[in-house]
Amino acid sequence: MAAVALFTLILALAMLASPPDAAQRAESDPTSTDRRRMIQDQIEARGISNRAVLDAMARVPRHLFVPQPQRASAYEDRPLPIGSGQTISQPYIVAYMTEALQISRDHRVLEIGTGSGYQAAVLSLLAREVYSIEIVPALAESARRLLAANGYSNVQVRTGNGYLGWPERAPFARIIVTAAPPEVPRALIDQLEVGGMMLVPVGTLFQEMTIVRKTASGVTEQRTIPVRFVPMVNKP
């Protein structure tokens, strides 16, 4: 009888020490299944293959970055309103822009257009530091609180005009713009380091994703895919 009791105790301790299986993890995070489906059906299916980008998007709880009434739709294949006339981008576009930037762990990244903070959260898992500018004060403050509360400690959020960039923190290895200017802002080009890359949707009614590369001999622009972003606001 003592042997049986000892065996039962050992089995119970082994079960406690074992890592949770997929079912247990899904139960503790009911949105993990939605994120896996989002990545498989919306992102990998369209050709995004960078494992670091896919892993980052699997780790960031997108539903926390949308208003409560929108949370049931957080993992759907579309942008969603986040208030103040702004949107959180479609998951595929977030993945596309993040992969195109080719971010490494030693990079300092400038984001123009914090929005809810979702893109900054994804970037923070790939880069050394993320500096993000949002022109709408209420969104900037909300994103700042949300990012801090969820442990994205290498992100700084500033309320301000993205056209001006963040000169005192320049130069940046990478710049990502998540609103559409009619042309690439000169200040952002100036704040991009030599060898750096910027991704920006350019245009008014019709927009194209544009990859800007800065070299010692000059600046090049490459247009890639048609996109639709809210206009980039330029005001004091």
Protein backbone atom coordinates (compact mmCIF):
# COMPACT_ATOMS: atom_id res chain seq x y z
CA MET A 1 0.00 0.00 0.00
CA ALA A 2 2.89 2.36 0.84
CA ALA A 3 4.46 1.62 -2.55
CA VAL A 4 1.19 2.48 -4.31
CA ALA A 5 0.93 5.73 -2.38
CA LEU A 6 4.52 6.62 -3.21
CA PHE A 7 3.94 5.88 -6.91
CA THR A 8 0.82 8.05 -6.90
CA LEU A 9 2.76 10.92 -5.29
CA ILE A 10 5.59 10.62 -7.83
CA LEU A 11 3.11 10.58 -10.73
CA ALA A 12 1.34 13.66 -9.40
CA LEU A 13 4.62 15.54 -9.01
CA ALA A 14 5.66 14.55 -12.53
CA MET A 15 2.40 15.87 -13.92
CA LEU A 16 2.89 19.16 -12.11
CA ALA A 17 6.44 19.43 -13.44
CA SER A 18 5.46 18.67 -17.03
CA PRO A 19 5.02 21.65 -19.37
CA PRO A 20 1.41 22.37 -20.32
CA ASP A 21 0.25 20.76 -23.52
CA ALA A 22 -1.37 22.63 -26.40
CA ALA A 23 -4.86 22.18 -24.99
CA GLN A 24 -3.81 23.64 -21.63
CA ARG A 25 -2.08 26.57 -23.29
CA ALA A 26 -5.13 27.23 -25.46
CA GLU A 27 -7.33 27.16 -22.38
CA SER A 28 -5.11 29.70 -20.62
CA ASP A 29 -4.99 31.88 -23.77
CA PRO A 30 -8.23 31.36 -25.69
CA THR A 31 -7.08 33.68 -28.51
CA SER A 32 -3.96 31.65 -29.34
CA THR A 33 -5.96 29.49 -31.75
CA ASP A 34 -7.27 32.62 -33.48
CA ARG A 35 -3.71 33.93 -33.84
CA ARG A 36 -2.44 30.65 -35.28
CA ARG A 37 -5.29 30.65 -37.80
CA MET A 38 -4.61 34.31 -38.65
CA ILE A 39 -0.97 33.53 -39.34
CA GLN A 40 -1.64 30.39 -41.38
CA ASP A 41 -4.62 31.59 -43.42
CA GLN A 42 -3.90 35.31 -43.86
CA ILE A 43 -0.14 35.72 -43.62
CA GLU A 44 1.76 32.55 -44.54
CA ALA A 45 -0.79 31.80 -47.26
CA ARG A 46 0.15 35.13 -48.92
CA GLY A 47 3.86 34.39 -48.90
CA ILE A 48 5.18 35.86 -45.65
CA SER A 49 7.83 33.40 -44.50
CA ASN A 50 10.21 35.20 -42.12
CA ARG A 51 10.04 33.04 -39.00
CA ALA A 52 10.95 35.87 -36.61
CA VAL A 53 8.09 38.00 -37.98
CA LEU A 54 5.60 35.12 -37.77
CA ASP A 55 6.69 34.31 -34.21
CA ALA A 56 6.38 37.96 -33.16
CA MET A 57 2.85 38.17 -34.52
CA ALA A 58 1.98 34.91 -32.79
CA ARG A 59 3.13 36.38 -29.48
CA VAL A 60 1.36 39.76 -29.63
CA PRO A 61 -2.30 39.61 -28.50
CA ARG A 62 -3.86 41.72 -31.25
CA HIS A 63 -7.25 41.81 -29.52
CA LEU A 64 -5.79 43.94 -26.71
CA PHE A 65 -4.96 46.65 -29.26
CA VAL A 66 -8.49 47.18 -30.56
CA PRO A 67 -11.43 48.80 -28.73
CA GLN A 68 -13.63 46.46 -26.73
CA PRO A 69 -16.53 46.52 -29.26
CA GLN A 70 -14.11 45.37 -32.00
CA ARG A 71 -12.39 42.56 -30.11
CA ALA A 72 -14.50 39.77 -31.57
CA SER A 73 -13.15 40.84 -34.98
CA ALA A 74 -9.53 41.35 -33.90
CA TYR A 75 -8.15 38.40 -35.88
CA GLU A 76 -10.18 38.90 -39.02
CA ASP A 77 -8.57 39.71 -42.37
CA ARG A 78 -9.28 43.45 -42.38
CA PRO A 79 -8.39 46.77 -40.76
CA LEU A 80 -10.49 47.90 -37.81
CA PRO A 81 -11.43 51.35 -36.44
CA ILE A 82 -9.64 52.37 -33.25
CA GLY A 83 -11.20 55.81 -32.77
CA SER A 84 -10.32 59.37 -33.81
CA GLY A 85 -10.79 58.41 -37.46
CA GLN A 86 -7.81 56.00 -37.31
CA THR A 87 -7.49 52.27 -37.94
CA ILE A 88 -5.38 49.29 -36.98
CA SER A 89 -3.97 47.79 -40.17
CA GLN A 90 -5.00 44.45 -41.63
CA PRO A 91 -2.81 41.67 -40.14
CA TYR A 92 -1.27 40.82 -43.51
CA ILE A 93 -0.17 44.43 -44.07
CA VAL A 94 1.47 44.52 -40.62
CA ALA A 95 3.34 41.31 -41.48
CA TYR A 96 4.24 42.52 -44.98
CA MET A 97 5.69 45.80 -43.76
CA THR A 98 7.54 44.16 -40.88
CA GLU A 99 9.11 41.51 -43.11
CA ALA A 100 10.04 44.03 -45.81
CA LEU A 101 11.99 46.11 -43.28
CA GLN A 102 14.39 43.22 -42.55
CA ILE A 103 14.74 44.19 -38.90
CA SER A 104 17.53 42.76 -36.77
CA ARG A 105 18.02 42.83 -33.02
CA ASP A 106 20.56 45.69 -33.08
CA HIS A 107 18.30 48.08 -34.99
CA ARG A 108 16.77 51.27 -33.68
CA VAL A 109 13.40 51.75 -35.39
CA LEU A 110 11.26 54.86 -35.83
CA GLU A 111 7.53 54.34 -36.35
CA ILE A 112 5.31 57.15 -37.60
CA GLY A 113 1.70 56.55 -36.64
CA THR A 114 1.49 54.63 -33.35
CA GLY A 115 -2.27 54.19 -33.53
CA SER A 116 -3.24 51.60 -30.93
CA GLY A 117 0.36 50.41 -30.48
CA TYR A 118 -0.01 47.02 -32.20
CA GLN A 119 2.65 47.52 -34.87
CA ALA A 120 5.04 48.92 -32.25
CA ALA A 121 4.49 45.83 -30.09
CA VAL A 122 5.39 43.57 -33.02
CA LEU A 123 8.47 45.67 -33.83
CA SER A 124 9.60 45.61 -30.21
CA LEU A 125 10.09 41.84 -30.33
CA LEU A 126 12.45 42.20 -33.31
CA ALA A 127 14.40 45.42 -32.72
CA ARG A 128 16.60 46.82 -29.95
CA GLU A 129 14.58 50.03 -29.54
CA VAL A 130 11.36 51.39 -31.03
CA TYR A 131 10.48 55.09 -31.09
CA SER A 132 6.90 55.76 -32.12
CA ILE A 133 5.16 59.06 -32.89
CA GLU A 134 1.39 59.58 -32.83
CA ILE A 135 -0.25 62.91 -33.69
CA VAL A 136 -3.56 62.19 -31.89
CA PRO A 137 -2.92 62.78 -28.16
CA ALA A 138 -5.62 60.38 -26.93
CA LEU A 139 -4.27 57.53 -29.06
CA ALA A 140 -0.67 58.26 -28.04
CA GLU A 141 -1.53 58.14 -24.36
CA SER A 142 -3.64 54.99 -24.70
CA ALA A 143 -0.89 53.21 -26.66
CA ARG A 144 1.77 54.32 -24.19
CA ARG A 145 -0.19 52.85 -21.26
CA LEU A 146 -1.08 49.65 -23.09
CA LEU A 147 2.46 48.94 -24.26
CA ALA A 148 3.89 49.56 -20.78
CA ALA A 149 1.24 47.44 -19.08
CA ASN A 150 2.02 44.49 -21.36
CA GLY A 151 5.78 44.59 -20.94
CA TYR A 152 6.92 46.20 -24.20
CA SER A 153 9.58 48.12 -22.33
CA ASN A 154 11.79 48.96 -25.32
CA VAL A 155 9.11 51.18 -26.92
CA GLN A 156 8.89 54.93 -26.39
CA VAL A 157 5.78 56.78 -27.59
CA ARG A 158 5.73 60.48 -28.33
CA THR A 159 2.80 62.76 -29.15
CA GLY A 160 3.74 64.87 -32.15
CA ASN A 161 3.89 65.52 -35.89
CA GLY A 162 5.35 62.54 -37.71
CA TYR A 163 6.48 64.72 -40.61
CA LEU A 164 9.15 66.10 -38.28
CA GLY A 165 10.38 62.71 -37.12
CA TRP A 166 12.33 62.40 -33.87
CA PRO A 167 15.58 64.27 -34.63
CA GLU A 168 17.14 64.00 -31.18
CA ARG A 169 17.00 60.18 -31.42
CA ALA A 170 18.21 59.99 -35.02
CA PRO A 171 19.68 58.37 -37.00
CA PHE A 172 17.50 55.27 -37.31
CA ALA A 173 18.35 51.99 -39.02
CA ARG A 174 14.72 51.52 -40.02
CA ILE A 175 11.69 53.81 -40.36
CA ILE A 176 8.13 52.58 -40.84
CA VAL A 177 5.28 54.94 -41.70
CA THR A 178 1.72 53.69 -41.13
CA ALA A 179 -0.15 56.62 -42.68
CA ALA A 180 0.04 57.92 -46.24
CA PRO A 181 1.87 61.15 -47.13
CA PRO A 182 1.61 62.48 -50.70
CA GLU A 183 5.39 62.14 -50.95
CA VAL A 184 8.19 60.83 -48.73
CA PRO A 185 8.87 63.45 -45.99
CA ARG A 186 12.33 64.96 -46.33
CA ALA A 187 12.92 65.02 -42.56
CA LEU A 188 12.47 61.26 -42.38
CA ILE A 189 15.00 60.71 -45.15
CA ASP A 190 17.44 62.94 -43.26
CA GLN A 191 16.92 60.89 -40.08
CA LEU A 192 17.55 57.56 -41.82
CA GLU A 193 21.11 56.33 -41.34
CA VAL A 194 23.31 55.46 -44.31
CA GLY A 195 22.55 51.85 -45.13
CA GLY A 196 19.09 52.24 -43.62
CA MET A 197 15.66 51.48 -45.02
CA MET A 198 12.24 53.13 -44.76
CA LEU A 199 8.83 51.71 -45.66
CA VAL A 200 6.07 54.24 -46.40
CA PRO A 201 2.74 54.16 -48.26
CA VAL A 202 2.90 57.11 -50.68
CA GLY A 203 -0.01 58.77 -52.44
CA THR A 204 -3.37 60.42 -51.94
CA LEU A 205 -6.31 58.72 -53.64
CA PHE A 206 -4.10 55.90 -54.94
CA GLN A 207 -1.21 54.76 -52.78
CA GLU A 208 1.75 52.48 -53.29
CA MET A 209 3.98 50.93 -50.66
CA THR A 210 7.41 52.44 -51.17
CA ILE A 211 10.77 51.10 -49.98
CA VAL A 212 13.31 53.90 -49.49
CA ARG A 213 16.98 52.95 -49.21
CA LYS A 214 19.69 55.40 -48.21
CA THR A 215 23.24 54.77 -49.36
CA ALA A 216 26.44 56.76 -49.34
CA SER A 217 25.76 57.72 -52.94
CA GLY A 218 22.12 58.75 -52.55
CA VAL A 219 18.53 57.65 -51.99
CA THR A 220 16.51 55.14 -54.02
CA GLU A 221 12.77 54.44 -54.03
CA GLN A 222 11.09 51.18 -55.01
CA ARG A 223 7.30 50.89 -55.36
CA THR A 224 5.84 47.50 -54.44
CA ILE A 225 2.10 46.90 -53.83
CA PRO A 226 -1.04 49.08 -53.93
CA VAL A 227 -2.34 49.88 -50.44
CA ARG A 228 -4.93 51.96 -48.63
CA PHE A 229 -3.95 53.92 -45.50
CA VAL A 230 -5.41 56.92 -43.71
CA PRO A 231 -3.75 60.19 -44.79
CA MET A 232 -0.69 61.31 -42.88
CA VAL A 233 -1.54 64.54 -41.05
CA ASN A 234 0.87 67.45 -41.12
CA LYS A 235 0.11 70.12 -38.53
CA PRO A 236 1.96 71.95 -35.72
